[in-house]
């Protein structure tokens, strides 16, 4: 009897731990989780969750949005993509310099912002944590920006990664085209992230 009670208590405790842990993870409350980790869209490593901002959003999705406070607009107003690695699959880090490049986006306006692993803006005073369509223009040949802890002299556009540690880049597409919402894999040509070098190392 006593042994059975102990087994029952152990199974109940394990079930509670697994249930609470999975709920925290799915709600984005587990340390290290990000709101788009559960996304259903992946284009060249840029991940998105098209349930965010839609009527299809479940309670866990809504909890992730509330927890991180970054993805609050309705899907018709904005969709979000994030990437934490370069084009070779290596984690983005403050120690390295990157070339970010792209072309026109299927939306009325777009921006790219750098966030730390904790989904916060890095603590620096460079006033250069993002670029957007108005800052780089609509050149048919595309645009480029450098992501680095210090601004290179030749860089026209720069995103500062100073004090960011490990970071990710978030692409916001405001008033996205209907074609993007219907078939993101075909329509979106996501920005490239090329690692140029790291402190004391080459590419």
Foldseek 3Di string as FASTA:
>chain_A
DVVVVVVVVVVVVVVVVVVVVVLCQLLQNPPLRALQPPAPDAALQWTWHLCQQHPNDDPSSVSRCVVLVDRNHHSQFKTKTKHQAASVRHGDFQQFKKKKWDADWQAPKKKKFKAASSNHHFPDDPPQGMDICVQQDHDRVIGIEMEHCDDDPPGPHYHHCNRRGGIMMMMMGGSGDPVCSVCVNPRGDHIHIGIQAGVVTGD
